């Protein structure tokens, strides 16, 4: 992860051309919840890059870094809503307005209970699929046309309602795969900044990180 970005530079916020938003709920009590998988990806990258979050008002936190790829520089924004999951759209709209970005310039990362842990799905657009955070973003942006990275957290236990399951922490046995998902999500973000989205989907949507699980962590 230390080489995820080729170098560190600080650029004026006006130069930001793409945003990465991970969804979750603010507060230490939610930090390790399955529902906070999007937050975990953003924190994973920010910690590795020693980036510092700043306030975007009451609705989101953000930090920035410059990525140099093939001689081309792209300044990106990493963001986490402070609005709680059901109001993620408030943060997404204010973030895009602040940086004058269109919806197709924000990649949204979030948990998906319908995918097993270790599987991911990239999509250019689509319906919320029952995810309240994506429903809120769709409502506030008035479009479904924004890219997203779905991270599997299933399968759901039959004895636990979905709304309770997503607010449980990942188990110790799951942590090995969680770590792999965080690493590959950072790799996907780098690819998103430099590659055609269709090629990224073709490469990563077939990956099953359960196949590489080792040990009994």
Protein backbone atom coordinates (compact mmCIF):
# COMPACT_ATOMS: atom_id res chain seq x y z
CA UNK A 1 0.00 0.00 0.00
CA UNK A 2 2.85 2.42 0.54
CA UNK A 3 3.29 2.65 -3.23
CA UNK A 4 -0.41 3.04 -4.01
CA UNK A 5 0.21 6.63 -5.14
CA UNK A 6 3.47 7.32 -6.91
CA UNK A 7 4.12 10.56 -5.01
CA UNK A 8 2.57 13.01 -2.57
CA UNK A 9 1.62 16.55 -3.48
CA UNK A 10 -0.86 19.03 -2.19
CA UNK A 11 -2.88 20.88 -4.78
CA UNK A 12 -5.53 23.62 -4.44
CA UNK A 13 -8.98 22.11 -3.99
CA UNK A 14 -10.13 23.73 -7.23
CA UNK A 15 -7.89 21.30 -9.14
CA UNK A 16 -9.77 18.20 -7.97
CA UNK A 17 -11.11 16.29 -10.96
CA UNK A 18 -12.50 13.10 -9.39
CA UNK A 19 -14.03 12.19 -6.04
CA UNK A 20 -14.08 8.87 -4.19
CA UNK A 21 -16.80 8.61 -1.53
CA UNK A 22 -17.02 5.68 0.87
CA UNK A 23 -20.36 5.22 2.64
CA UNK A 24 -20.89 4.49 6.32
CA UNK A 25 -22.03 5.92 9.62
CA UNK A 26 -19.87 8.36 11.60
CA UNK A 27 -18.88 7.51 15.18
CA UNK A 28 -16.59 4.99 16.83
CA UNK A 29 -19.50 2.69 17.67
CA UNK A 30 -20.01 2.02 13.94
CA UNK A 31 -16.37 1.97 12.86
CA UNK A 32 -16.04 -1.80 12.33
CA UNK A 33 -19.61 -2.48 11.20
CA UNK A 34 -20.20 -4.29 7.92
CA UNK A 35 -22.23 -1.24 6.86
CA UNK A 36 -19.05 0.87 7.15
CA UNK A 37 -17.05 -1.04 4.52
CA UNK A 38 -16.94 2.08 2.34
CA UNK A 39 -15.51 4.15 5.20
CA UNK A 40 -12.91 1.44 5.81
CA UNK A 41 -11.61 1.69 2.25
CA UNK A 42 -11.24 5.48 2.49
CA UNK A 43 -9.51 5.23 5.88
CA UNK A 44 -7.26 2.43 4.61
CA UNK A 45 -5.92 4.63 1.81
CA UNK A 46 -5.77 7.83 3.87
CA UNK A 47 -3.81 6.14 6.67
CA UNK A 48 -1.34 4.55 4.25
CA UNK A 49 -0.81 7.89 2.51
CA UNK A 50 -0.74 9.90 5.77
CA UNK A 51 -3.51 12.13 4.50
CA UNK A 52 -5.47 14.30 6.90
CA UNK A 53 -9.21 14.82 6.72
CA UNK A 54 -10.68 18.28 6.84
CA UNK A 55 -14.25 19.45 7.32
CA UNK A 56 -16.55 19.99 4.37
CA UNK A 57 -19.07 21.69 6.59
CA UNK A 58 -21.52 19.58 8.55
CA UNK A 59 -22.11 16.97 5.87
CA UNK A 60 -18.74 15.37 5.05
CA UNK A 61 -15.02 15.01 5.71
CA UNK A 62 -12.51 15.06 2.88
CA UNK A 63 -8.84 14.89 2.04
CA UNK A 64 -6.92 15.11 -1.21
CA UNK A 65 -3.84 13.78 -2.93
CA UNK A 66 -2.26 13.98 -6.35
CA UNK A 67 -1.75 10.81 -8.38
CA UNK A 68 0.91 10.76 -11.10
CA UNK A 69 0.25 8.10 -13.73
CA UNK A 70 2.13 7.82 -17.02
CA UNK A 71 3.19 11.43 -16.73
CA UNK A 72 -0.37 12.65 -16.12
CA UNK A 73 -1.40 14.14 -12.79
CA UNK A 74 -4.85 13.72 -11.30
CA UNK A 75 -5.86 15.35 -8.03
CA UNK A 76 -8.51 13.35 -6.23
CA UNK A 77 -10.73 13.85 -3.21
CA UNK A 78 -11.39 11.07 -0.69
CA UNK A 79 -14.58 11.65 1.27
CA UNK A 80 -16.73 10.25 4.10
CA UNK A 81 -20.26 11.56 4.79
CA UNK A 82 -21.13 12.78 8.28
CA UNK A 83 -24.86 12.55 7.56
CA UNK A 84 -25.41 8.89 8.50
CA UNK A 85 -26.15 6.35 5.81
CA UNK A 86 -29.76 7.31 5.05
CA UNK A 87 -28.76 10.90 4.19
CA UNK A 88 -25.63 10.14 2.16
CA UNK A 89 -27.11 12.08 -0.75
CA UNK A 90 -26.82 15.35 1.16
CA UNK A 91 -23.05 14.87 1.44
CA UNK A 92 -22.67 13.67 -2.15
CA UNK A 93 -24.54 16.65 -3.60
CA UNK A 94 -22.67 19.21 -1.48
CA UNK A 95 -19.32 17.61 -2.30
CA UNK A 96 -20.00 17.71 -6.05
CA UNK A 97 -21.26 21.27 -5.86
CA UNK A 98 -18.20 22.41 -3.89
CA UNK A 99 -15.75 21.01 -6.43
CA UNK A 100 -17.95 21.66 -9.50
CA UNK A 101 -18.01 17.98 -10.43
CA UNK A 102 -20.70 16.11 -12.36
CA UNK A 103 -22.16 12.84 -10.95
CA UNK A 104 -20.10 10.64 -13.27
CA UNK A 105 -16.97 12.01 -11.57
CA UNK A 106 -17.76 10.47 -8.18
CA UNK A 107 -17.04 6.82 -7.43
CA UNK A 108 -19.20 5.62 -4.53
CA UNK A 109 -18.01 2.65 -2.44
CA UNK A 110 -20.48 0.75 -0.27
CA UNK A 111 -21.43 -2.59 1.27
CA UNK A 112 -23.71 -5.08 -0.50
CA UNK A 113 -25.51 -7.72 1.52
CA UNK A 114 -26.47 -9.61 -1.65
CA UNK A 115 -22.83 -10.35 -2.49
CA UNK A 116 -20.71 -12.71 -0.38
CA UNK A 117 -17.72 -11.30 1.45
CA UNK A 118 -14.78 -11.48 -0.94
CA UNK A 119 -16.74 -10.57 -4.08
CA UNK A 120 -16.94 -7.08 -5.55
CA UNK A 121 -18.98 -5.47 -8.33
CA UNK A 122 -18.22 -2.34 -10.32
CA UNK A 123 -21.10 -0.65 -12.13
CA UNK A 124 -21.44 2.52 -14.17
CA UNK A 125 -24.99 3.16 -12.96
CA UNK A 126 -28.07 1.39 -11.70
CA UNK A 127 -30.87 1.31 -9.16
CA UNK A 128 -30.21 1.47 -5.39
CA UNK A 129 -31.04 -2.20 -5.01
CA UNK A 130 -32.39 -1.71 -1.50
CA UNK A 131 -29.33 0.18 -0.20
CA UNK A 132 -30.52 3.28 1.64
CA UNK A 133 -27.26 5.19 1.12
CA UNK A 134 -27.41 4.75 -2.65
CA UNK A 135 -31.12 5.53 -2.67
CA UNK A 136 -30.38 8.82 -0.91
CA UNK A 137 -27.61 9.69 -3.38
CA UNK A 138 -29.85 8.84 -6.32
CA UNK A 139 -32.61 11.04 -4.87
CA UNK A 140 -30.39 14.04 -4.13
CA UNK A 141 -28.41 13.88 -7.38
CA UNK A 142 -31.59 13.07 -9.35
CA UNK A 143 -29.71 10.50 -11.39
CA UNK A 144 -28.60 6.87 -11.21
CA UNK A 145 -25.70 7.58 -13.52
CA UNK A 146 -22.70 7.57 -11.21
CA UNK A 147 -20.09 4.79 -10.89
CA UNK A 148 -20.07 2.62 -7.85
CA UNK A 149 -18.00 -0.12 -6.23
CA UNK A 150 -20.06 -2.67 -4.30
CA UNK A 151 -18.30 -4.72 -1.62
CA UNK A 152 -19.90 -7.98 -0.56
CA UNK A 153 -20.67 -8.51 3.12
CA UNK A 154 -22.91 -11.59 2.88
CA UNK A 155 -24.20 -14.10 3.38
CA UNK A 156 -26.69 -12.80 5.89
CA UNK A 157 -27.47 -15.11 8.80
CA UNK A 158 -31.06 -16.36 8.56
CA UNK A 159 -31.65 -15.68 12.24
CA UNK A 160 -30.60 -12.01 12.05
CA UNK A 161 -32.65 -9.29 10.28
CA UNK A 162 -30.74 -7.45 7.54
CA UNK A 163 -30.89 -4.14 9.40
CA UNK A 164 -29.17 -5.76 12.39
CA UNK A 165 -26.71 -7.84 10.37
CA UNK A 166 -25.21 -4.82 8.59
CA UNK A 167 -24.64 -3.08 11.93
CA UNK A 168 -22.65 -6.00 13.33
CA UNK A 169 -18.85 -5.97 13.24
CA UNK A 170 -16.92 -8.24 10.92
CA UNK A 171 -15.88 -11.36 12.79
CA UNK A 172 -12.31 -12.38 13.52
CA UNK A 173 -12.68 -15.23 11.03
CA UNK A 174 -13.70 -12.75 8.31
CA UNK A 175 -10.84 -10.30 8.88
CA UNK A 176 -8.42 -12.01 6.50
CA UNK A 177 -10.79 -11.50 3.57
CA UNK A 178 -11.72 -7.99 4.73
CA UNK A 179 -8.04 -7.00 4.55
CA UNK A 180 -7.79 -8.40 1.02
CA UNK A 181 -10.87 -6.46 -0.04
CA UNK A 182 -9.39 -3.23 1.32
CA UNK A 183 -6.17 -3.78 -0.62
CA UNK A 184 -7.88 -4.64 -3.89
CA UNK A 185 -10.26 -1.69 -3.50
CA UNK A 186 -7.24 0.63 -3.35
CA UNK A 187 -5.93 -1.06 -6.49
CA UNK A 188 -9.29 -0.56 -8.20
CA UNK A 189 -9.33 3.14 -7.33
CA UNK A 190 -5.91 3.55 -8.94
CA UNK A 191 -7.19 1.75 -12.05
CA UNK A 192 -10.30 3.96 -12.05
CA UNK A 193 -8.09 7.03 -12.31
CA UNK A 194 -6.15 5.76 -15.29
CA UNK A 195 -8.20 3.16 -17.20
CA UNK A 196 -11.41 2.70 -19.13
CA UNK A 197 -14.24 1.74 -16.78
CA UNK A 198 -15.37 -1.19 -18.93
CA UNK A 199 -11.91 -2.75 -18.76
CA UNK A 200 -11.86 -2.31 -14.99
CA UNK A 201 -15.22 -4.07 -14.66
CA UNK A 202 -14.02 -6.93 -16.88
CA UNK A 203 -10.90 -7.38 -14.78
CA UNK A 204 -12.25 -7.08 -11.24
CA UNK A 205 -15.87 -8.23 -11.33
CA UNK A 206 -14.79 -11.85 -11.74
CA UNK A 207 -12.42 -11.89 -8.76
CA UNK A 208 -13.35 -14.04 -5.77
CA UNK A 209 -11.10 -13.31 -2.81
CA UNK A 210 -12.52 -16.28 -0.91
CA UNK A 211 -10.45 -18.51 -3.15
CA UNK A 212 -7.23 -17.03 -1.74
CA UNK A 213 -8.20 -17.22 1.92
CA UNK A 214 -5.52 -18.88 4.05
CA UNK A 215 -5.43 -20.06 7.63
CA UNK A 216 -8.12 -19.76 10.29
CA UNK A 217 -7.82 -16.09 11.21
